[in-house]
PDB file of all heavy atoms in Angstrom:
ATOM      1  N   SER A   1     117.441  78.160 107.475  1.00  0.00           N
ATOM      2  CA  SER A   1     117.545  79.032 106.250  1.00  0.00           C
ATOM      3  C   SER A   1     117.388  80.520 106.791  1.00  0.00           C
ATOM      4  O   SER A   1     116.510  80.817 107.603  1.00  0.00           O
ATOM      5  CB  SER A   1     116.501  78.724 105.283  1.00  0.00           C
ATOM      6  OG  SER A   1     116.391  79.627 104.269  1.00  0.00           O
ATOM      7  N   THR A   2     118.040  81.430 106.106  1.00  0.00           N
ATOM      8  CA  THR A   2     117.931  82.899 106.441  1.00  0.00           C
ATOM      9  C   THR A   2     117.153  83.584 105.373  1.00  0.00           C
ATOM     10  O   THR A   2     117.012  84.804 105.329  1.00  0.00           O
ATOM     11  CB  THR A   2     119.365  83.502 106.557  1.00  0.00           C
ATOM     12  OG1 THR A   2     120.022  83.319 105.372  1.00  0.00           O
ATOM     13  CG2 THR A   2     120.087  82.947 107.740  1.00  0.00           C
ATOM     14  N   ASP A   3     116.588  82.827 104.461  1.00  0.00           N
ATOM     15  CA  ASP A   3     115.823  83.472 103.351  1.00  0.00           C
ATOM     16  C   ASP A   3     114.560  84.116 103.885  1.00  0.00           C
ATOM     17  O   ASP A   3     113.956  83.581 104.823  1.00  0.00           O
ATOM     18  CB  ASP A   3     115.413  82.398 102.221  1.00  0.00           C
ATOM     19  CG  ASP A   3     116.585  81.923 101.521  1.00  0.00           C
ATOM     20  OD1 ASP A   3     117.635  82.517 101.582  1.00  0.00           O
ATOM     21  OD2 ASP A   3     116.484  80.918 100.863  1.00  0.00           O
ATOM     22  N   ALA A   4     114.338  85.285 103.386  1.00  0.00           N
ATOM     23  CA  ALA A   4     113.077  85.982 103.794  1.00  0.00           C
ATOM     24  C   ALA A   4     111.842  85.219 103.368  1.00  0.00           C
ATOM     25  O   ALA A   4     111.770  84.621 102.249  1.00  0.00           O
ATOM     26  CB  ALA A   4     113.098  87.430 103.278  1.00  0.00           C
ATOM     27  N   THR A   5     110.807  85.255 104.143  1.00  0.00           N
ATOM     28  CA  THR A   5     109.503  84.649 103.718  1.00  0.00           C
ATOM     29  C   THR A   5     108.807  85.657 102.870  1.00  0.00           C
ATOM     30  O   THR A   5     109.113  86.891 102.847  1.00  0.00           O
ATOM     31  CB  THR A   5     108.661  84.415 105.043  1.00  0.00           C
ATOM     32  OG1 THR A   5     108.341  85.730 105.597  1.00  0.00           O
ATOM     33  CG2 THR A   5     109.387  83.522 105.952  1.00  0.00           C
ATOM     34  N   PRO A   6     107.842  85.180 102.083  1.00  0.00           N
ATOM     35  CA  PRO A   6     107.169  86.156 101.215  1.00  0.00           C
ATOM     36  C   PRO A   6     106.500  87.254 101.919  1.00  0.00           C
ATOM     37  O   PRO A   6     106.386  88.373 101.431  1.00  0.00           O
ATOM     38  CB  PRO A   6     105.973  85.169 100.575  1.00  0.00           C
ATOM     39  CG  PRO A   6     106.662  83.902 100.562  1.00  0.00           C
ATOM     40  CD  PRO A   6     107.540  83.762 101.819  1.00  0.00           C
ATOM     41  N   ALA A   7     106.051  87.037 103.208  1.00  0.00           N
ATOM     42  CA  ALA A   7     105.417  87.980 104.026  1.00  0.00           C
ATOM     43  C   ALA A   7     106.398  89.125 104.343  1.00  0.00           C
ATOM     44  O   ALA A   7     105.951  90.315 104.550  1.00  0.00           O
ATOM     45  CB  ALA A   7     104.889  87.470 105.272  1.00  0.00           C
ATOM     46  N   ASP A   8     107.695  88.881 104.393  1.00  0.00           N
ATOM     47  CA  ASP A   8     108.627  89.838 104.744  1.00  0.00           C
ATOM     48  C   ASP A   8     108.880  90.833 103.547  1.00  0.00           C
ATOM     49  O   ASP A   8     109.136  91.991 103.850  1.00  0.00           O
ATOM     50  CB  ASP A   8     110.039  89.186 104.990  1.00  0.00           C
ATOM     51  CG  ASP A   8     110.085  88.394 106.298  1.00  0.00           C
ATOM     52  OD1 ASP A   8     109.266  88.811 107.175  1.00  0.00           O
ATOM     53  OD2 ASP A   8     110.736  87.448 106.388  1.00  0.00           O
ATOM     54  N   ARG A   9     108.742  90.363 102.295  1.00  0.00           N
ATOM     55  CA  ARG A   9     109.055  91.134 101.203  1.00  0.00           C
ATOM     56  C   ARG A   9     108.323  92.454 101.037  1.00  0.00           C
ATOM     57  O   ARG A   9     108.900  93.455 100.802  1.00  0.00           O
ATOM     58  CB  ARG A   9     109.109  90.300  99.913  1.00  0.00           C
ATOM     59  CG  ARG A   9     110.183  89.144  99.976  1.00  0.00           C
ATOM     60  CD  ARG A   9     110.298  88.457  98.654  1.00  0.00           C
ATOM     61  NE  ARG A   9     111.193  87.433  98.760  1.00  0.00           N
ATOM     62  CZ  ARG A   9     110.825  86.130  98.779  1.00  0.00           C
ATOM     63  NH1 ARG A   9     109.580  85.727  98.778  1.00  0.00           N
ATOM     64  NH2 ARG A   9     111.720  85.151  98.894  1.00  0.00           N
ATOM     65  N   PRO A  10     106.986  92.371 101.206  1.00  0.00           N
ATOM     66  CA  PRO A  10     106.312  93.677 101.120  1.00  0.00           C
ATOM     67  C   PRO A  10     106.732  94.631 102.129  1.00  0.00           C
ATOM     68  O   PRO A  10     106.690  95.882 101.965  1.00  0.00           O
ATOM     69  CB  PRO A  10     104.815  93.199 101.302  1.00  0.00           C
ATOM     70  CG  PRO A  10     104.747  91.809 100.853  1.00  0.00           C
ATOM     71  CD  PRO A  10     106.109  91.289 101.275  1.00  0.00           C
ATOM     72  N   LEU A  11     107.092  94.184 103.272  1.00  0.00           N
ATOM     73  CA  LEU A  11     107.581  95.127 104.409  1.00  0.00           C
ATOM     74  C   LEU A  11     108.793  95.791 103.941  1.00  0.00           C
ATOM     75  O   LEU A  11     108.977  97.004 104.137  1.00  0.00           O
ATOM     76  CB  LEU A  11     107.752  94.317 105.658  1.00  0.00           C
ATOM     77  CG  LEU A  11     106.539  93.803 106.362  1.00  0.00           C
ATOM     78  CD1 LEU A  11     106.881  93.046 107.579  1.00  0.00           C
ATOM     79  CD2 LEU A  11     105.628  94.896 106.729  1.00  0.00           C
ATOM     80  N   ARG A  12     109.761  95.056 103.298  1.00  0.00           N
ATOM     81  CA  ARG A  12     110.971  95.693 102.847  1.00  0.00           C
ATOM     82  C   ARG A  12     110.667  96.693 101.695  1.00  0.00           C
ATOM     83  O   ARG A  12     111.279  97.729 101.659  1.00  0.00           O
ATOM     84  CB  ARG A  12     111.909  94.579 102.366  1.00  0.00           C
ATOM     85  CG  ARG A  12     112.610  93.800 103.603  1.00  0.00           C
ATOM     86  CD  ARG A  12     113.973  93.371 103.191  1.00  0.00           C
ATOM     87  NE  ARG A  12     113.875  92.330 102.091  1.00  0.00           N
ATOM     88  CZ  ARG A  12     113.739  91.071 102.242  1.00  0.00           C
ATOM     89  NH1 ARG A  12     113.694  90.503 103.407  1.00  0.00           N
ATOM     90  NH2 ARG A  12     113.656  90.263 101.150  1.00  0.00           N
ATOM     91  N   ARG A  13     109.750  96.335 100.901  1.00  0.00           N
ATOM     92  CA  ARG A  13     109.408  97.234  99.791  1.00  0.00           C
ATOM     93  C   ARG A  13     108.741  98.557 100.370  1.00  0.00           C
ATOM     94  O   ARG A  13     109.007  99.616  99.951  1.00  0.00           O
ATOM     95  CB  ARG A  13     108.413  96.585  98.803  1.00  0.00           C
ATOM     96  CG  ARG A  13     109.108  95.526  97.890  1.00  0.00           C
ATOM     97  CD  ARG A  13     108.253  95.225  96.630  1.00  0.00           C
ATOM     98  NE  ARG A  13     107.059  94.619  97.097  1.00  0.00           N
ATOM     99  CZ  ARG A  13     106.891  93.279  97.138  1.00  0.00           C
ATOM    100  NH1 ARG A  13     107.853  92.514  96.891  1.00  0.00           N
ATOM    101  NH2 ARG A  13     105.791  92.718  97.502  1.00  0.00           N
ATOM    102  N   ASP A  14     107.862  98.382 101.388  1.00  0.00           N
ATOM    103  CA  ASP A  14     107.245  99.518 101.991  1.00  0.00           C
ATOM    104  C   ASP A  14     108.330 100.398 102.680  1.00  0.00           C
ATOM    105  O   ASP A  14     108.239 101.614 102.570  1.00  0.00           O
ATOM    106  CB  ASP A  14     106.241  99.113 103.069  1.00  0.00           C
ATOM    107  CG  ASP A  14     104.964  98.550 102.470  1.00  0.00           C
ATOM    108  OD1 ASP A  14     104.860  98.723 101.261  1.00  0.00           O
ATOM    109  OD2 ASP A  14     104.192  97.922 103.164  1.00  0.00           O
ATOM    110  N   ALA A  15     109.263  99.697 103.276  1.00  0.00           N
ATOM    111  CA  ALA A  15     110.377 100.482 103.976  1.00  0.00           C
ATOM    112  C   ALA A  15     111.109 101.282 102.975  1.00  0.00           C
ATOM    113  O   ALA A  15     111.494 102.477 103.281  1.00  0.00           O
ATOM    114  CB  ALA A  15     111.195  99.517 104.772  1.00  0.00           C
ATOM    115  N   GLU A  16     111.488 100.647 101.859  1.00  0.00           N
ATOM    116  CA  GLU A  16     112.197 101.334 100.818  1.00  0.00           C
ATOM    117  C   GLU A  16     111.422 102.556 100.226  1.00  0.00           C
ATOM    118  O   GLU A  16     112.040 103.609 100.037  1.00  0.00           O
ATOM    119  CB  GLU A  16     112.675 100.454  99.735  1.00  0.00           C
ATOM    120  CG  GLU A  16     113.491 101.043  98.649  1.00  0.00           C
ATOM    121  CD  GLU A  16     114.709 101.818  99.044  1.00  0.00           C
ATOM    122  OE1 GLU A  16     115.262 101.527 100.250  1.00  0.00           O
ATOM    123  OE2 GLU A  16     115.161 102.710  98.337  1.00  0.00           O
ATOM    124  N   ARG A  17     110.101 102.204 100.039  1.00  0.00           N
ATOM    125  CA  ARG A  17     109.328 103.324  99.525  1.00  0.00           C
ATOM    126  C   ARG A  17     109.251 104.543 100.506  1.00  0.00           C
ATOM    127  O   ARG A  17     109.350 105.683 100.138  1.00  0.00           O
ATOM    128  CB  ARG A  17     107.820 102.949  99.229  1.00  0.00           C
ATOM    129  CG  ARG A  17     107.624 102.124  97.946  1.00  0.00           C
ATOM    130  CD  ARG A  17     106.186 102.069  97.532  1.00  0.00           C
ATOM    131  NE  ARG A  17     105.443 101.285  98.460  1.00  0.00           N
ATOM    132  CZ  ARG A  17     105.291  99.972  98.374  1.00  0.00           C
ATOM    133  NH1 ARG A  17     105.845  99.333  97.325  1.00  0.00           N
ATOM    134  NH2 ARG A  17     104.617  99.242  99.313  1.00  0.00           N
ATOM    135  N   ASN A  18     109.169 104.290 101.774  1.00  0.00           N
ATOM    136  CA  ASN A  18     109.191 105.384 102.807  1.00  0.00           C
ATOM    137  C   ASN A  18     110.500 106.013 102.832  1.00  0.00           C
ATOM    138  O   ASN A  18     110.537 107.198 102.986  1.00  0.00           O
ATOM    139  CB  ASN A  18     108.937 104.648 104.178  1.00  0.00           C
ATOM    140  CG  ASN A  18     107.388 104.325 104.386  1.00  0.00           C
ATOM    141  OD1 ASN A  18     106.597 104.860 103.686  1.00  0.00           O
ATOM    142  ND2 ASN A  18     107.103 103.535 105.373  1.00  0.00           N
ATOM    143  N   ARG A  19     111.571 105.269 102.645  1.00  0.00           N
ATOM    144  CA  ARG A  19     112.858 105.886 102.655  1.00  0.00           C
ATOM    145  C   ARG A  19     112.988 106.884 101.433  1.00  0.00           C
ATOM    146  O   ARG A  19     113.533 108.043 101.617  1.00  0.00           O
ATOM    147  CB  ARG A  19     113.998 104.861 102.515  1.00  0.00           C
ATOM    148  CG  ARG A  19     115.392 105.397 102.544  1.00  0.00           C
ATOM    149  CD  ARG A  19     116.465 104.282 102.571  1.00  0.00           C
ATOM    150  NE  ARG A  19     117.748 104.900 102.658  1.00  0.00           N
ATOM    151  CZ  ARG A  19     118.486 105.325 101.684  1.00  0.00           C
ATOM    152  NH1 ARG A  19     117.974 105.267 100.445  1.00  0.00           N
ATOM    153  NH2 ARG A  19     119.690 105.719 101.867  1.00  0.00           N
ATOM    154  N   GLN A  20     112.531 106.445 100.287  1.00  0.00           N
ATOM    155  CA  GLN A  20     112.594 107.327  99.167  1.00  0.00           C
ATOM    156  C   GLN A  20     111.640 108.556  99.306  1.00  0.00           C
ATOM    157  O   GLN A  20     112.018 109.683  98.951  1.00  0.00           O
ATOM    158  CB  GLN A  20     112.138 106.581  97.850  1.00  0.00           C
ATOM    159  CG  GLN A  20     113.160 105.466  97.456  1.00  0.00           C
ATOM    160  CD  GLN A  20     114.569 106.027  97.234  1.00  0.00           C
ATOM    161  OE1 GLN A  20     114.788 107.104  96.696  1.00  0.00           O
ATOM    162  NE2 GLN A  20     115.619 105.329  97.757  1.00  0.00           N
ATOM    163  N   ARG A  21     110.544 108.349  99.964  1.00  0.00           N
ATOM    164  CA  ARG A  21     109.675 109.494 100.199  1.00  0.00           C
ATOM    165  C   ARG A  21     110.305 110.535 101.137  1.00  0.00           C
ATOM    166  O   ARG A  21     110.161 111.754 101.008  1.00  0.00           O
ATOM    167  CB  ARG A  21     108.285 109.063 100.776  1.00  0.00           C
ATOM    168  CG  ARG A  21     107.445 108.275  99.753  1.00  0.00           C
ATOM    169  CD  ARG A  21     106.246 107.592 100.382  1.00  0.00           C
ATOM    170  NE  ARG A  21     105.298 108.501 100.928  1.00  0.00           N
ATOM    171  CZ  ARG A  21     104.152 108.057 101.573  1.00  0.00           C
ATOM    172  NH1 ARG A  21     103.936 106.789 101.707  1.00  0.00           N
ATOM    173  NH2 ARG A  21     103.271 108.942 101.958  1.00  0.00           N
ATOM    174  N   ILE A  22     111.040 109.970 102.163  1.00  0.00           N
ATOM    175  CA  ILE A  22     111.707 110.829 103.146  1.00  0.00           C
ATOM    176  C   ILE A  22     112.839 111.634 102.469  1.00  0.00           C
ATOM    177  O   ILE A  22     112.935 112.794 102.571  1.00  0.00           O
ATOM    178  CB  ILE A  22     112.337 109.990 104.258  1.00  0.00           C
ATOM    179  CG1 ILE A  22     111.195 109.486 105.140  1.00  0.00           C
ATOM    180  CG2 ILE A  22     113.261 110.840 105.036  1.00  0.00           C
ATOM    181  CD1 ILE A  22     111.569 108.287 106.088  1.00  0.00           C
ATOM    182  N   LEU A  23     113.569 110.926 101.555  1.00  0.00           N
ATOM    183  CA  LEU A  23     114.727 111.533 100.913  1.00  0.00           C
ATOM    184  C   LEU A  23     114.187 112.696  99.893  1.00  0.00           C
ATOM    185  O   LEU A  23     114.785 113.770  99.845  1.00  0.00           O
ATOM    186  CB  LEU A  23     115.540 110.500 100.094  1.00  0.00           C
ATOM    187  CG  LEU A  23     116.306 109.634 100.909  1.00  0.00           C
ATOM    188  CD1 LEU A  23     116.984 108.497 100.098  1.00  0.00           C
ATOM    189  CD2 LEU A  23     117.417 110.428 101.670  1.00  0.00           C
ATOM    190  N   GLN A  24     113.067 112.331  99.206  1.00  0.00           N
ATOM    191  CA  GLN A  24     112.491 113.318  98.288  1.00  0.00           C
ATOM    192  C   GLN A  24     111.977 114.531  99.027  1.00  0.00           C
ATOM    193  O   GLN A  24     112.151 115.706  98.622  1.00  0.00           O
ATOM    194  CB  GLN A  24     111.363 112.669  97.469  1.00  0.00           C
ATOM    195  CG  GLN A  24     110.684 113.667  96.465  1.00  0.00           C
ATOM    196  CD  GLN A  24     111.596 114.063  95.413  1.00  0.00           C
ATOM    197  OE1 GLN A  24     112.561 113.376  95.049  1.00  0.00           O
ATOM    198  NE2 GLN A  24     111.411 115.353  94.943  1.00  0.00           N
ATOM    199  N   ALA A  25     111.250 114.352 100.089  1.00  0.00           N
ATOM    200  CA  ALA A  25     110.744 115.410 100.919  1.00  0.00           C
ATOM    201  C   ALA A  25     111.893 116.294 101.457  1.00  0.00           C
ATOM    202  O   ALA A  25     111.856 117.529 101.511  1.00  0.00           O
ATOM    203  CB  ALA A  25     109.879 114.882 102.025  1.00  0.00           C
ATOM    204  N   ALA A  26     112.911 115.598 101.981  1.00  0.00           N
ATOM    205  CA  ALA A  26     114.005 116.387 102.616  1.00  0.00           C
ATOM    206  C   ALA A  26     114.805 117.138 101.415  1.00  0.00           C
ATOM    207  O   ALA A  26     115.153 118.332 101.673  1.00  0.00           O
ATOM    208  CB  ALA A  26     115.032 115.400 103.214  1.00  0.00           C
ATOM    209  N   ALA A  27     114.866 116.520 100.273  1.00  0.00           N
ATOM    210  CA  ALA A  27     115.605 117.300  99.257  1.00  0.00           C
ATOM    211  C   ALA A  27     114.850 118.567  98.907  1.00  0.00           C
ATOM    212  O   ALA A  27     115.430 119.587  98.652  1.00  0.00           O
ATOM    213  CB  ALA A  27     115.718 116.414  97.981  1.00  0.00           C
ATOM    214  N   GLU A  28     113.403 118.483  98.803  1.00  0.00           N
ATOM    215  CA  GLU A  28     112.655 119.657  98.412  1.00  0.00           C
ATOM    216  C   GLU A  28     112.730 120.733  99.562  1.00  0.00           C
ATOM    217  O   GLU A  28     112.988 121.860  99.233  1.00  0.00           O
ATOM    218  CB  GLU A  28     111.199 119.251  98.331  1.00  0.00           C
ATOM    219  CG  GLU A  28     111.004 118.244  97.066  1.00  0.00           C
ATOM    220  CD  GLU A  28     109.540 117.626  97.092  1.00  0.00           C
ATOM    221  OE1 GLU A  28     108.791 117.989  97.980  1.00  0.00           O
ATOM    222  OE2 GLU A  28     109.248 116.928  96.107  1.00  0.00           O
ATOM    223  N   LEU A  29     112.669 120.302 100.809  1.00  0.00           N
ATOM    224  CA  LEU A  29     112.620 121.249 101.931  1.00  0.00           C
ATOM    225  C   LEU A  29     114.066 121.883 102.042  1.00  0.00           C
ATOM    226  O   LEU A  29     114.071 123.049 102.316  1.00  0.00           O
ATOM    227  CB  LEU A  29     112.170 120.565 103.141  1.00  0.00           C
ATOM    228  CG  LEU A  29     110.667 120.193 103.240  1.00  0.00           C
ATOM    229  CD1 LEU A  29     110.527 119.265 104.463  1.00  0.00           C
ATOM    230  CD2 LEU A  29     109.900 121.486 103.493  1.00  0.00           C
ATOM    231  N   PHE A  30     115.105 121.150 101.950  1.00  0.00           N
ATOM    232  CA  PHE A  30     116.404 121.697 102.102  1.00  0.00           C
ATOM    233  C   PHE A  30     116.741 122.645 101.002  1.00  0.00           C
ATOM    234  O   PHE A  30     117.363 123.698 101.144  1.00  0.00           O
ATOM    235  CB  PHE A  30     117.477 120.590 102.161  1.00  0.00           C
ATOM    236  CG  PHE A  30     117.430 119.653 103.388  1.00  0.00           C
ATOM    237  CD1 PHE A  30     117.920 118.455 103.337  1.00  0.00           C
ATOM    238  CD2 PHE A  30     117.142 120.258 104.586  1.00  0.00           C
ATOM    239  CE1 PHE A  30     117.990 117.655 104.478  1.00  0.00           C
ATOM    240  CE2 PHE A  30     117.143 119.558 105.783  1.00  0.00           C
ATOM    241  CZ  PHE A  30     117.541 118.181 105.717  1.00  0.00           C
ATOM    242  N   ALA A  31     116.236 122.305  99.781  1.00  0.00           N
ATOM    243  CA  ALA A  31     116.392 123.282  98.675  1.00  0.00           C
ATOM    244  C   ALA A  31     115.681 124.514  98.857  1.00  0.00           C
ATOM    245  O   ALA A  31     116.189 125.652  98.526  1.00  0.00           O
ATOM    246  CB  ALA A  31     116.078 122.558  97.295  1.00  0.00           C
ATOM    247  N   GLU A  32     114.494 124.496  99.364  1.00  0.00           N
ATOM    248  CA  GLU A  32     113.651 125.637  99.568  1.00  0.00           C
ATOM    249  C   GLU A  32     114.034 126.469 100.720  1.00  0.00           C
ATOM    250  O   GLU A  32     114.102 127.686 100.634  1.00  0.00           O
ATOM    251  CB  GLU A  32     112.228 125.237  99.792  1.00  0.00           C
ATOM    252  CG  GLU A  32     111.498 124.456  98.510  1.00  0.00           C
ATOM    253  CD  GLU A  32     110.197 123.745  98.836  1.00  0.00           C
ATOM    254  OE1 GLU A  32     109.839 123.988 100.049  1.00  0.00           O
ATOM    255  OE2 GLU A  32     109.761 122.986  98.096  1.00  0.00           O
ATOM    256  N   ALA A  33     114.307 125.833 101.850  1.00  0.00           N
ATOM    257  CA  ALA A  33     114.424 126.556 103.131  1.00  0.00           C
ATOM    258  C   ALA A  33     115.760 126.337 103.744  1.00  0.00           C
ATOM    259  O   ALA A  33     116.022 127.051 104.836  1.00  0.00           O
ATOM    260  CB  ALA A  33     113.371 126.118 104.127  1.00  0.00           C
ATOM    261  N   GLY A  34     116.702 125.555 103.296  1.00  0.00           N
ATOM    262  CA  GLY A  34     117.971 125.294 103.903  1.00  0.00           C
ATOM    263  C   GLY A  34     117.970 124.197 104.940  1.00  0.00           C
ATOM    264  O   GLY A  34     116.938 123.564 105.156  1.00  0.00           O
ATOM    265  N   LEU A  35     119.146 124.047 105.549  1.00  0.00           N
ATOM    266  CA  LEU A  35     119.320 122.907 106.373  1.00  0.00           C
ATOM    267  C   LEU A  35     118.754 123.025 107.841  1.00  0.00           C
ATOM    268  O   LEU A  35     118.943 122.097 108.634  1.00  0.00           O
ATOM    269  CB  LEU A  35     120.891 122.635 106.434  1.00  0.00           C
ATOM    270  CG  LEU A  35     121.490 122.373 105.105  1.00  0.00           C
ATOM    271  CD1 LEU A  35     122.999 122.042 105.246  1.00  0.00           C
ATOM    272  CD2 LEU A  35     120.823 121.081 104.493  1.00  0.00           C
ATOM    273  N   ASP A  36     118.158 124.192 108.206  1.00  0.00           N
ATOM    274  CA  ASP A  36     117.516 124.257 109.513  1.00  0.00           C
ATOM    275  C   ASP A  36     116.133 123.609 109.564  1.00  0.00           C
ATOM    276  O   ASP A  36     115.558 123.560 110.649  1.00  0.00           O
ATOM    277  CB  ASP A  36     117.329 125.832 109.854  1.00  0.00           C
ATOM    278  CG  ASP A  36     118.659 126.432 110.122  1.00  0.00           C
ATOM    279  OD1 ASP A  36     119.660 125.749 110.525  1.00  0.00           O
ATOM    280  OD2 ASP A  36     118.802 127.627 109.903  1.00  0.00           O
ATOM    281  N   VAL A  37     115.715 123.064 108.473  1.00  0.00           N
ATOM    282  CA  VAL A  37     114.439 122.307 108.487  1.00  0.00           C
ATOM    283  C   VAL A  37     114.592 121.153 109.436  1.00  0.00           C
ATOM    284  O   VAL A  37     115.719 120.472 109.494  1.00  0.00           O
ATOM    285  CB  VAL A  37     114.209 121.740 107.047  1.00  0.00           C
ATOM    286  CG1 VAL A  37     113.124 120.655 107.048  1.00  0.00           C
ATOM    287  CG2 VAL A  37     113.838 122.902 106.128  1.00  0.00           C
ATOM    288  N   THR A  38     113.550 120.790 110.156  1.00  0.00           N
ATOM    289  CA  THR A  38     113.506 119.733 111.183  1.00  0.00           C
ATOM    290  C   THR A  38     113.034 118.422 110.522  1.00  0.00           C
ATOM    291  O   THR A  38     112.403 118.407 109.502  1.00  0.00           O
ATOM    292  CB  THR A  38     112.709 120.037 112.340  1.00  0.00           C
ATOM    293  OG1 THR A  38     111.255 120.091 111.937  1.00  0.00           O
ATOM    294  CG2 THR A  38     112.929 121.515 112.951  1.00  0.00           C
ATOM    295  N   LEU A  39     113.403 117.346 111.266  1.00  0.00           N
ATOM    296  CA  LEU A  39     113.014 116.019 110.796  1.00  0.00           C
ATOM    297  C   LEU A  39     111.430 115.953 110.919  1.00  0.00           C
ATOM    298  O   LEU A  39     110.828 115.187 110.089  1.00  0.00           O
ATOM    299  CB  LEU A  39     113.630 114.960 111.631  1.00  0.00           C
ATOM    300  CG  LEU A  39     115.167 114.758 111.352  1.00  0.00           C
ATOM    301  CD1 LEU A  39     115.646 113.581 112.226  1.00  0.00           C
ATOM    302  CD2 LEU A  39     115.459 114.590 109.949  1.00  0.00           C
TER     303      LEU A  39
END
C-alpha cells in the first residue's frame, strides 16, 4: 500500500503551513522592497 501513515500526515500539514508562511513573507517583502530581497 502507498497510503500515508497517520504519522506522515502532520508532517505534510507542517510542510504546507511552512510553505504558506514562506509565500506570505515573500509577498510582503517583495511588495515593500522589490525583487532584490534574498531568500
